[in-house]
Amino acid sequence: MTTEQDKSTVPFRVGLGLSGGGAKGIAHLGVIKALEEVGLKPEIISGVSAGAIIGALYADGKSPDEICAFFKETSFFDYVNVATLRKRGGIMVSKRFETMLSEYLNAKTFEELSMPIIINATELTEGRNEYFSSGPLVEKIIASTTVPIFLTPKVIGDKVYVDGGIFNNMPCKVIRDKCTLLVGCHVNPIMREDNLNSMFDVAERVYNLSIQSSTVPEKQVCDIVIEPIKAKKFGMFEIARTQDIFDIGYEAAVETLKKIDLSGFSLDRQQ
């Protein structure tokens, strides 16, 4: 948490860290809407995977409701193509989704966004986490969202990237010293799972279990952590339930914020 002495030196009032979580990431939109309603409009964002998509669209100037409408009209599987594991390194490639995202975003670079965002991805060759905050935008979002096995790795220059959640599925520390109030939204909590009936169910469960340890220290640096627990019932690609997931995020944020004393923050300050 930022101390009183530090507050005068940090550049932003409210920061927001957004976790990965596939379709569950739509819950981030409901959380953002609830934050706006109490005067805590994010001014800087960090995000990974689904959080990178949501964060970038929001930083592009689009409202939570507008982004929700975009996902309602978009079927993820309409924008990916099947690829062989042997030739492509993944079950699907996301080139059509990349094209669609490019068309929907007004900004083409990080610098053109209405607020700063930091996105992380895993550089597969060297096996390390990498943060992006400048240059071409869409290719970095795709790099951050490329879930191993499910999607083909994203090549940028001479580097190969996959989902940033492998090393950090809730990037909050990276903006801790840049904001007075840091809110973390984690939409991918691990709970008991009895429905493991297919290869995809098992693969998704194994992946989710493998990335959870990174979220613990990230949550610890946040002033507020919001976890839309009810979103856990939705699968990684279950985007058809967009409104339900949005509502779950909104309700979870409202309930969490009710329990927190926000009097120490200037809620009437405009961005």
C-alpha atoms as a PDB file:
ATOM      1  CA  MET A   1       0.000   0.000   0.000  1.00  0.00           C
ATOM      2  CA  THR A   2       1.212   3.504  -0.781  1.00  0.00           C
ATOM      3  CA  THR A   3       2.078   5.544   2.326  1.00  0.00           C
ATOM      4  CA  GLU A   4       0.940   9.106   3.008  1.00  0.00           C
ATOM      5  CA  GLN A   5       4.426  10.360   2.207  1.00  0.00           C
ATOM      6  CA  ASP A   6       4.383   8.609  -1.145  1.00  0.00           C
ATOM      7  CA  LYS A   7       1.001   9.925  -2.320  1.00  0.00           C
ATOM      8  CA  SER A   8       2.336  13.242  -3.557  1.00  0.00           C
ATOM      9  CA  THR A   9       4.861  11.547  -5.820  1.00  0.00           C
ATOM     10  CA  VAL A  10       2.803   8.844  -7.540  1.00  0.00           C
ATOM     11  CA  PRO A  11       1.547   9.804 -11.005  1.00  0.00           C
ATOM     12  CA  PHE A  12      -1.878   8.121 -10.873  1.00  0.00           C
ATOM     13  CA  ARG A  13      -4.678   7.948  -8.353  1.00  0.00           C
ATOM     14  CA  VAL A  14      -6.232   4.549  -9.174  1.00  0.00           C
ATOM     15  CA  GLY A  15      -4.483   1.570 -10.703  1.00  0.00           C
ATOM     16  CA  LEU A  16      -6.141  -1.665 -11.784  1.00  0.00           C
ATOM     17  CA  GLY A  17      -4.506  -5.066 -12.209  1.00  0.00           C
ATOM     18  CA  LEU A  18      -6.484  -7.586 -14.284  1.00  0.00           C
ATOM     19  CA  SER A  19      -5.869 -11.331 -14.166  1.00  0.00           C
ATOM     20  CA  GLY A  20      -6.191 -13.894 -16.900  1.00  0.00           C
ATOM     21  CA  GLY A  21      -9.112 -16.294 -16.944  1.00  0.00           C
ATOM     22  CA  GLY A  22     -10.471 -16.827 -20.452  1.00  0.00           C
ATOM     23  CA  ALA A  23     -14.149 -15.973 -20.782  1.00  0.00           C
ATOM     24  CA  LYS A  24     -14.255 -15.319 -17.037  1.00  0.00           C
ATOM     25  CA  GLY A  25     -12.254 -12.194 -17.836  1.00  0.00           C
ATOM     26  CA  ILE A  26     -15.497 -10.540 -18.947  1.00  0.00           C
ATOM     27  CA  ALA A  27     -16.185 -10.188 -15.214  1.00  0.00           C
ATOM     28  CA  HIS A  28     -13.455  -7.498 -15.237  1.00  0.00           C
ATOM     29  CA  LEU A  29     -15.902  -5.286 -17.135  1.00  0.00           C
ATOM     30  CA  GLY A  30     -18.513  -5.491 -14.396  1.00  0.00           C
ATOM     31  CA  VAL A  31     -15.819  -4.698 -11.834  1.00  0.00           C
ATOM     32  CA  ILE A  32     -14.704  -1.625 -13.785  1.00  0.00           C
ATOM     33  CA  LYS A  33     -18.291  -0.393 -14.032  1.00  0.00           C
ATOM     34  CA  ALA A  34     -18.742  -0.713 -10.261  1.00  0.00           C
ATOM     35  CA  LEU A  35     -15.450   1.108  -9.633  1.00  0.00           C
ATOM     36  CA  GLU A  36     -16.529   3.970 -11.885  1.00  0.00           C
ATOM     37  CA  GLU A  37     -19.818   4.268 -10.002  1.00  0.00           C
ATOM     38  CA  VAL A  38     -18.020   4.986  -6.714  1.00  0.00           C
ATOM     39  CA  GLY A  39     -15.584   7.425  -8.317  1.00  0.00           C
ATOM     40  CA  LEU A  40     -12.664   5.030  -8.614  1.00  0.00           C
ATOM     41  CA  LYS A  41     -12.129   5.245 -12.341  1.00  0.00           C
ATOM     42  CA  PRO A  42      -8.861   3.472 -13.241  1.00  0.00           C
ATOM     43  CA  GLU A  43      -6.099   5.707 -14.574  1.00  0.00           C
ATOM     44  CA  ILE A  44      -3.449   3.055 -15.207  1.00  0.00           C
ATOM     45  CA  ILE A  45      -3.960  -0.643 -15.960  1.00  0.00           C
ATOM     46  CA  SER A  46      -1.916  -3.802 -16.004  1.00  0.00           C
ATOM     47  CA  GLY A  47      -3.293  -6.987 -17.499  1.00  0.00           C
ATOM     48  CA  VAL A  48      -2.518 -10.445 -18.752  1.00  0.00           C
ATOM     49  CA  SER A  49      -4.338 -12.736 -21.179  1.00  0.00           C
ATOM     50  CA  ALA A  50      -8.078 -11.963 -20.903  1.00  0.00           C
ATOM     51  CA  GLY A  51      -7.141  -9.035 -18.657  1.00  0.00           C
ATOM     52  CA  ALA A  52      -4.892  -7.697 -21.408  1.00  0.00           C
ATOM     53  CA  ILE A  53      -7.780  -7.692 -23.882  1.00  0.00           C
ATOM     54  CA  ILE A  54     -10.238  -6.065 -21.480  1.00  0.00           C
ATOM     55  CA  GLY A  55      -7.661  -3.574 -20.242  1.00  0.00           C
ATOM     56  CA  ALA A  56      -6.604  -2.521 -23.728  1.00  0.00           C
ATOM     57  CA  LEU A  57     -10.172  -2.033 -24.919  1.00  0.00           C
ATOM     58  CA  TYR A  58     -10.939   0.063 -21.853  1.00  0.00           C
ATOM     59  CA  ALA A  59      -7.723   2.070 -22.240  1.00  0.00           C
ATOM     60  CA  ASP A  60      -8.826   2.656 -25.842  1.00  0.00           C
ATOM     61  CA  GLY A  61     -11.683   4.761 -24.478  1.00  0.00           C
ATOM     62  CA  LYS A  62     -14.487   2.216 -24.688  1.00  0.00           C
ATOM     63  CA  SER A  63     -16.937   1.860 -21.800  1.00  0.00           C
ATOM     64  CA  PRO A  64     -17.529  -1.443 -19.969  1.00  0.00           C
ATOM     65  CA  ASP A  65     -20.998  -1.689 -21.533  1.00  0.00           C
ATOM     66  CA  GLU A  66     -19.634  -1.076 -25.028  1.00  0.00           C
ATOM     67  CA  ILE A  67     -16.993  -3.775 -24.599  1.00  0.00           C
ATOM     68  CA  CYS A  68     -19.619  -6.155 -23.234  1.00  0.00           C
ATOM     69  CA  ALA A  69     -21.728  -5.567 -26.346  1.00  0.00           C
ATOM     70  CA  PHE A  70     -18.664  -6.297 -28.506  1.00  0.00           C
ATOM     71  CA  PHE A  71     -18.194  -9.694 -26.860  1.00  0.00           C
ATOM     72  CA  LYS A  72     -21.885 -10.508 -27.147  1.00  0.00           C
ATOM     73  CA  GLU A  73     -21.584 -10.113 -30.894  1.00  0.00           C
ATOM     74  CA  THR A  74     -18.342 -12.105 -31.073  1.00  0.00           C
ATOM     75  CA  SER A  75     -18.007 -15.857 -30.893  1.00  0.00           C
ATOM     76  CA  PHE A  76     -14.399 -16.719 -30.084  1.00  0.00           C
ATOM     77  CA  PHE A  77     -14.565 -19.909 -32.106  1.00  0.00           C
ATOM     78  CA  ASP A  78     -15.760 -17.950 -35.143  1.00  0.00           C
ATOM     79  CA  TYR A  79     -12.422 -16.168 -35.137  1.00  0.00           C
ATOM     80  CA  VAL A  80      -9.971 -19.020 -34.708  1.00  0.00           C
ATOM     81  CA  ASN A  81      -8.927 -21.648 -37.210  1.00  0.00           C
ATOM     82  CA  VAL A  82      -8.018 -25.244 -36.508  1.00  0.00           C
ATOM     83  CA  ALA A  83      -4.322 -26.023 -36.925  1.00  0.00           C
ATOM     84  CA  THR A  84      -2.482 -29.264 -36.507  1.00  0.00           C
ATOM     85  CA  LEU A  85      -0.353 -29.657 -33.399  1.00  0.00           C
ATOM     86  CA  ARG A  86       2.555 -30.868 -35.490  1.00  0.00           C
ATOM     87  CA  LYS A  87       2.619 -27.920 -37.890  1.00  0.00           C
ATOM     88  CA  ARG A  88       1.395 -25.061 -35.745  1.00  0.00           C
ATOM     89  CA  GLY A  89       2.222 -25.925 -32.146  1.00  0.00           C
ATOM     90  CA  GLY A  90      -1.379 -25.456 -31.028  1.00  0.00           C
ATOM     91  CA  ILE A  91      -4.916 -26.671 -31.660  1.00  0.00           C
ATOM     92  CA  MET A  92      -6.053 -23.309 -33.018  1.00  0.00           C
ATOM     93  CA  VAL A  93      -4.568 -20.177 -34.525  1.00  0.00           C
ATOM     94  CA  SER A  94      -6.018 -16.764 -33.719  1.00  0.00           C
ATOM     95  CA  LYS A  95      -5.161 -14.733 -36.840  1.00  0.00           C
ATOM     96  CA  ARG A  96      -8.798 -13.871 -37.565  1.00  0.00           C
ATOM     97  CA  PHE A  97      -9.287 -12.767 -33.950  1.00  0.00           C
ATOM     98  CA  GLU A  98      -6.162 -10.631 -34.260  1.00  0.00           C
ATOM     99  CA  THR A  99      -7.597  -8.986 -37.381  1.00  0.00           C
ATOM    100  CA  MET A 100     -10.940  -8.373 -35.712  1.00  0.00           C
ATOM    101  CA  LEU A 101      -9.269  -6.850 -32.657  1.00  0.00           C
ATOM    102  CA  SER A 102      -7.190  -4.576 -34.889  1.00  0.00           C
ATOM    103  CA  GLU A 103     -10.350  -3.326 -36.574  1.00  0.00           C
ATOM    104  CA  TYR A 104     -12.155  -2.702 -33.283  1.00  0.00           C
ATOM    105  CA  LEU A 105      -9.340  -0.858 -31.530  1.00  0.00           C
ATOM    106  CA  ASN A 106      -8.866   2.795 -32.424  1.00  0.00           C
ATOM    107  CA  ALA A 107      -5.311   2.828 -31.081  1.00  0.00           C
ATOM    108  CA  LYS A 108      -2.665   0.936 -33.000  1.00  0.00           C
ATOM    109  CA  THR A 109       0.111   1.544 -30.468  1.00  0.00           C
ATOM    110  CA  PHE A 110       0.340   1.786 -26.678  1.00  0.00           C
ATOM    111  CA  GLU A 111       1.156   5.442 -27.047  1.00  0.00           C
ATOM    112  CA  GLU A 112      -2.181   6.162 -28.735  1.00  0.00           C
ATOM    113  CA  LEU A 113      -4.270   4.782 -25.846  1.00  0.00           C
ATOM    114  CA  SER A 114      -6.150   7.179 -23.566  1.00  0.00           C
ATOM    115  CA  MET A 115      -4.385   5.760 -20.494  1.00  0.00           C
ATOM    116  CA  PRO A 116      -1.238   3.699 -19.918  1.00  0.00           C
ATOM    117  CA  ILE A 117      -1.411  -0.081 -19.823  1.00  0.00           C
ATOM    118  CA  ILE A 118       1.253  -2.679 -19.145  1.00  0.00           C
ATOM    119  CA  ILE A 119       0.796  -6.168 -20.607  1.00  0.00           C
ATOM    120  CA  ASN A 120       2.859  -9.241 -19.832  1.00  0.00           C
ATOM    121  CA  ALA A 121       3.570 -12.332 -21.913  1.00  0.00           C
ATOM    122  CA  THR A 122       5.850 -15.352 -21.623  1.00  0.00           C
ATOM    123  CA  GLU A 123       8.845 -15.437 -23.953  1.00  0.00           C
ATOM    124  CA  LEU A 124       8.925 -19.134 -24.686  1.00  0.00           C
ATOM    125  CA  THR A 125      12.455 -19.587 -26.054  1.00  0.00           C
ATOM    126  CA  GLU A 126      14.253 -18.121 -23.056  1.00  0.00           C
ATOM    127  CA  GLY A 127      11.499 -19.029 -20.616  1.00  0.00           C
ATOM    128  CA  ARG A 128      10.923 -15.658 -18.984  1.00  0.00           C
ATOM    129  CA  ASN A 129       8.203 -13.124 -18.265  1.00  0.00           C
ATOM    130  CA  GLU A 130       8.237  -9.940 -20.378  1.00  0.00           C
ATOM    131  CA  TYR A 131       6.283  -6.696 -19.910  1.00  0.00           C
ATOM    132  CA  PHE A 132       5.120  -4.488 -22.787  1.00  0.00           C
ATOM    133  CA  SER A 133       4.130  -0.819 -22.534  1.00  0.00           C
ATOM    134  CA  SER A 134       5.106   0.707 -25.878  1.00  0.00           C
ATOM    135  CA  GLY A 135       5.025   0.089 -29.605  1.00  0.00           C
ATOM    136  CA  PRO A 136       2.498  -1.919 -31.660  1.00  0.00           C
ATOM    137  CA  LEU A 137      -0.463  -2.909 -29.494  1.00  0.00           C
ATOM    138  CA  VAL A 138      -2.410  -5.796 -30.991  1.00  0.00           C
ATOM    139  CA  GLU A 139       0.517  -8.178 -31.468  1.00  0.00           C
ATOM    140  CA  LYS A 140       1.389  -7.754 -27.767  1.00  0.00           C
ATOM    141  CA  ILE A 141      -2.203  -8.468 -26.720  1.00  0.00           C
ATOM    142  CA  ILE A 142      -2.214 -11.631 -28.818  1.00  0.00           C
ATOM    143  CA  ALA A 143       1.127 -12.662 -27.329  1.00  0.00           C
ATOM    144  CA  SER A 144      -0.300 -12.270 -23.835  1.00  0.00           C
ATOM    145  CA  THR A 145      -3.458 -14.256 -24.606  1.00  0.00           C
ATOM    146  CA  THR A 146      -1.991 -17.227 -26.447  1.00  0.00           C
ATOM    147  CA  VAL A 147      -2.828 -20.110 -24.103  1.00  0.00           C
ATOM    148  CA  PRO A 148      -0.308 -22.929 -24.648  1.00  0.00           C
ATOM    149  CA  ILE A 149      -1.611 -26.036 -26.464  1.00  0.00           C
ATOM    150  CA  PHE A 150      -4.955 -24.370 -27.182  1.00  0.00           C
ATOM    151  CA  LEU A 151      -3.545 -21.557 -29.338  1.00  0.00           C
ATOM    152  CA  THR A 152      -0.544 -21.243 -31.599  1.00  0.00           C
ATOM    153  CA  PRO A 153       2.364 -19.220 -30.103  1.00  0.00           C
ATOM    154  CA  LYS A 154       2.742 -15.642 -31.317  1.00  0.00           C
ATOM    155  CA  VAL A 155       5.994 -14.780 -33.071  1.00  0.00           C
ATOM    156  CA  ILE A 156       7.226 -11.186 -32.761  1.00  0.00           C
ATOM    157  CA  GLY A 157      10.553 -10.591 -34.454  1.00  0.00           C
ATOM    158  CA  ASP A 158      12.815 -13.451 -33.452  1.00  0.00           C
ATOM    159  CA  LYS A 159      10.913 -14.189 -30.220  1.00  0.00           C
ATOM    160  CA  VAL A 160       8.094 -16.639 -29.519  1.00  0.00           C
ATOM    161  CA  TYR A 161       5.390 -15.733 -27.001  1.00  0.00           C
ATOM    162  CA  VAL A 162       2.608 -17.487 -25.140  1.00  0.00           C
ATOM    163  CA  ASP A 163       0.219 -16.551 -22.332  1.00  0.00           C
ATOM    164  CA  GLY A 164       1.810 -14.335 -19.690  1.00  0.00           C
ATOM    165  CA  GLY A 165      -0.142 -16.139 -16.993  1.00  0.00           C
ATOM    166  CA  ILE A 166       2.483 -18.874 -16.921  1.00  0.00           C
ATOM    167  CA  PHE A 167       4.757 -16.625 -14.846  1.00  0.00           C
ATOM    168  CA  ASN A 168       2.331 -13.972 -13.621  1.00  0.00           C
ATOM    169  CA  ASN A 169      -1.418 -14.377 -13.938  1.00  0.00           C
ATOM    170  CA  MET A 170      -2.252 -11.198 -12.015  1.00  0.00           C
ATOM    171  CA  PRO A 171       0.290  -8.446 -12.767  1.00  0.00           C
ATOM    172  CA  CYS A 172      -0.094  -5.870  -9.999  1.00  0.00           C
ATOM    173  CA  LYS A 173       3.406  -5.257  -8.622  1.00  0.00           C
ATOM    174  CA  VAL A 174       4.404  -3.719 -11.941  1.00  0.00           C
ATOM    175  CA  ILE A 175       2.133  -0.679 -11.301  1.00  0.00           C
ATOM    176  CA  ARG A 176       2.239  -0.620  -7.477  1.00  0.00           C
ATOM    177  CA  ASP A 177       4.534   2.409  -7.303  1.00  0.00           C
ATOM    178  CA  LYS A 178       2.595   4.245 -10.008  1.00  0.00           C
ATOM    179  CA  CYS A 179      -0.743   4.653  -8.201  1.00  0.00           C
ATOM    180  CA  THR A 180      -2.137   5.660  -4.828  1.00  0.00           C
ATOM    181  CA  LEU A 181      -4.871   3.025  -4.735  1.00  0.00           C
ATOM    182  CA  LEU A 182      -4.268  -0.337  -6.374  1.00  0.00           C
ATOM    183  CA  VAL A 183      -7.215  -2.596  -7.135  1.00  0.00           C
ATOM    184  CA  GLY A 184      -6.589  -6.164  -8.217  1.00  0.00           C
ATOM    185  CA  CYS A 185      -9.259  -8.231  -9.946  1.00  0.00           C
ATOM    186  CA  HIS A 186      -8.734 -11.992  -9.947  1.00  0.00           C
ATOM    187  CA  VAL A 187     -11.344 -13.893 -11.955  1.00  0.00           C
ATOM    188  CA  ASN A 188      -9.727 -17.313 -11.937  1.00  0.00           C
ATOM    189  CA  PRO A 189      -9.882 -18.675  -8.363  1.00  0.00           C
ATOM    190  CA  ILE A 190      -9.133 -22.354  -7.836  1.00  0.00           C
ATOM    191  CA  MET A 191     -11.956 -24.304  -6.227  1.00  0.00           C
ATOM    192  CA  ARG A 192     -13.176 -27.887  -6.338  1.00  0.00           C
ATOM    193  CA  GLU A 193     -13.909 -29.068  -9.895  1.00  0.00           C
ATOM    194  CA  ASP A 194     -15.952 -32.224 -10.492  1.00  0.00           C
ATOM    195  CA  ASN A 195     -16.723 -31.773 -14.190  1.00  0.00           C
ATOM    196  CA  LEU A 196     -13.607 -33.115 -15.899  1.00  0.00           C
ATOM    197  CA  ASN A 197     -15.282 -34.959 -18.717  1.00  0.00           C
ATOM    198  CA  SER A 198     -13.218 -34.113 -21.762  1.00  0.00           C
ATOM    199  CA  MET A 199      -9.659 -33.515 -22.928  1.00  0.00           C
ATOM    200  CA  PHE A 200     -10.354 -29.780 -22.931  1.00  0.00           C
ATOM    201  CA  ASP A 201     -11.717 -29.894 -19.359  1.00  0.00           C
ATOM    202  CA  VAL A 202      -8.606 -31.673 -18.118  1.00  0.00           C
ATOM    203  CA  ALA A 203      -6.201 -29.450 -20.072  1.00  0.00           C
ATOM    204  CA  GLU A 204      -7.888 -26.291 -18.789  1.00  0.00           C
ATOM    205  CA  ARG A 205      -7.841 -27.564 -15.198  1.00  0.00           C
ATOM    206  CA  VAL A 206      -4.149 -28.495 -15.343  1.00  0.00           C
ATOM    207  CA  TYR A 207      -3.269 -25.110 -16.834  1.00  0.00           C
ATOM    208  CA  ASN A 208      -5.270 -23.196 -14.200  1.00  0.00           C
ATOM    209  CA  LEU A 209      -3.692 -25.147 -11.357  1.00  0.00           C
ATOM    210  CA  SER A 210      -0.200 -24.530 -12.720  1.00  0.00           C
ATOM    211  CA  ILE A 211      -0.504 -20.732 -12.809  1.00  0.00           C
ATOM    212  CA  GLN A 212      -2.111 -20.033  -9.445  1.00  0.00           C
ATOM    213  CA  SER A 213       0.971 -19.656  -7.256  1.00  0.00           C
ATOM    214  CA  SER A 214       1.986 -16.426  -8.988  1.00  0.00           C
ATOM    215  CA  THR A 215      -1.185 -14.614  -7.895  1.00  0.00           C
ATOM    216  CA  VAL A 216      -0.526 -14.804  -4.136  1.00  0.00           C
ATOM    217  CA  PRO A 217       2.293 -12.205  -3.896  1.00  0.00           C
ATOM    218  CA  GLU A 218       0.513 -10.014  -6.461  1.00  0.00           C
ATOM    219  CA  LYS A 219      -2.647  -9.870  -4.337  1.00  0.00           C
ATOM    220  CA  GLN A 220      -0.590  -8.915  -1.294  1.00  0.00           C
ATOM    221  CA  VAL A 221       0.504  -5.585  -2.808  1.00  0.00           C
ATOM    222  CA  CYS A 222      -3.076  -4.531  -3.631  1.00  0.00           C
ATOM    223  CA  ASP A 223      -5.199  -2.213  -1.500  1.00  0.00           C
ATOM    224  CA  ILE A 224      -8.368  -3.921  -2.714  1.00  0.00           C
ATOM    225  CA  VAL A 225      -8.775  -7.389  -4.206  1.00  0.00           C
ATOM    226  CA  ILE A 226     -11.995  -8.340  -5.967  1.00  0.00           C
ATOM    227  CA  GLU A 227     -12.665 -11.995  -6.810  1.00  0.00           C
ATOM    228  CA  PRO A 228     -15.912 -12.788  -8.675  1.00  0.00           C
ATOM    229  CA  ILE A 229     -16.102 -16.324  -7.269  1.00  0.00           C
ATOM    230  CA  LYS A 230     -19.344 -17.182  -9.087  1.00  0.00           C
ATOM    231  CA  ALA A 231     -17.560 -16.819 -12.436  1.00  0.00           C
ATOM    232  CA  LYS A 232     -15.620 -20.030 -11.735  1.00  0.00           C
ATOM    233  CA  LYS A 233     -18.389 -22.143 -13.265  1.00  0.00           C
ATOM    234  CA  PHE A 234     -17.691 -20.788 -16.746  1.00  0.00           C
ATOM    235  CA  GLY A 235     -15.162 -22.429 -19.054  1.00  0.00           C
ATOM    236  CA  MET A 236     -12.225 -20.749 -20.759  1.00  0.00           C
ATOM    237  CA  PHE A 237     -14.072 -20.248 -24.056  1.00  0.00           C
ATOM    238  CA  GLU A 238     -17.652 -19.918 -22.777  1.00  0.00           C
ATOM    239  CA  ILE A 239     -18.120 -16.461 -24.225  1.00  0.00           C
ATOM    240  CA  ALA A 240     -21.798 -17.039 -25.032  1.00  0.00           C
ATOM    241  CA  ARG A 241     -22.587 -16.232 -21.373  1.00  0.00           C
ATOM    242  CA  THR A 242     -21.122 -12.741 -21.646  1.00  0.00           C
ATOM    243  CA  GLN A 243     -23.905 -10.843 -19.844  1.00  0.00           C
ATOM    244  CA  ASP A 244     -24.058 -13.352 -16.996  1.00  0.00           C
ATOM    245  CA  ILE A 245     -20.306 -13.115 -16.448  1.00  0.00           C
ATOM    246  CA  PHE A 246     -20.402  -9.305 -16.646  1.00  0.00           C
ATOM    247  CA  ASP A 247     -23.160  -9.201 -14.004  1.00  0.00           C
ATOM    248  CA  ILE A 248     -21.232 -11.533 -11.702  1.00  0.00           C
ATOM    249  CA  GLY A 249     -18.219  -9.221 -11.841  1.00  0.00           C
ATOM    250  CA  TYR A 250     -20.370  -6.169 -11.144  1.00  0.00           C
ATOM    251  CA  GLU A 251     -22.128  -7.776  -8.181  1.00  0.00           C
ATOM    252  CA  ALA A 252     -18.861  -9.043  -6.678  1.00  0.00           C
ATOM    253  CA  ALA A 253     -17.312  -5.579  -6.917  1.00  0.00           C
ATOM    254  CA  VAL A 254     -20.337  -3.855  -5.392  1.00  0.00           C
ATOM    255  CA  GLU A 255     -20.322  -6.272  -2.447  1.00  0.00           C
ATOM    256  CA  THR A 256     -16.571  -5.904  -1.907  1.00  0.00           C
ATOM    257  CA  LEU A 257     -16.613  -2.116  -2.105  1.00  0.00           C
ATOM    258  CA  LYS A 258     -19.466  -1.917   0.408  1.00  0.00           C
ATOM    259  CA  LYS A 259     -17.159  -3.411   3.040  1.00  0.00           C
ATOM    260  CA  ILE A 260     -14.277  -0.991   2.439  1.00  0.00           C
ATOM    261  CA  ASP A 261     -13.796   2.472   3.886  1.00  0.00           C
ATOM    262  CA  LEU A 262     -13.001   4.645   0.888  1.00  0.00           C
ATOM    263  CA  SER A 263     -13.010   7.917   2.830  1.00  0.00           C
ATOM    264  CA  GLY A 264      -9.238   8.203   2.584  1.00  0.00           C
ATOM    265  CA  PHE A 265      -9.436   8.704  -1.159  1.00  0.00           C
ATOM    266  CA  SER A 266     -10.614  11.799  -3.027  1.00  0.00           C
ATOM    267  CA  LEU A 267     -13.589  10.298  -4.828  1.00  0.00           C
ATOM    268  CA  ASP A 268     -14.655  13.520  -6.488  1.00  0.00           C
ATOM    269  CA  ARG A 269     -11.379  13.996  -8.384  1.00  0.00           C
ATOM    270  CA  GLN A 270     -11.856  13.724 -12.133  1.00  0.00           C
ATOM    271  CA  GLN A 271      -9.366  12.029 -14.390  1.00  0.00           C
END
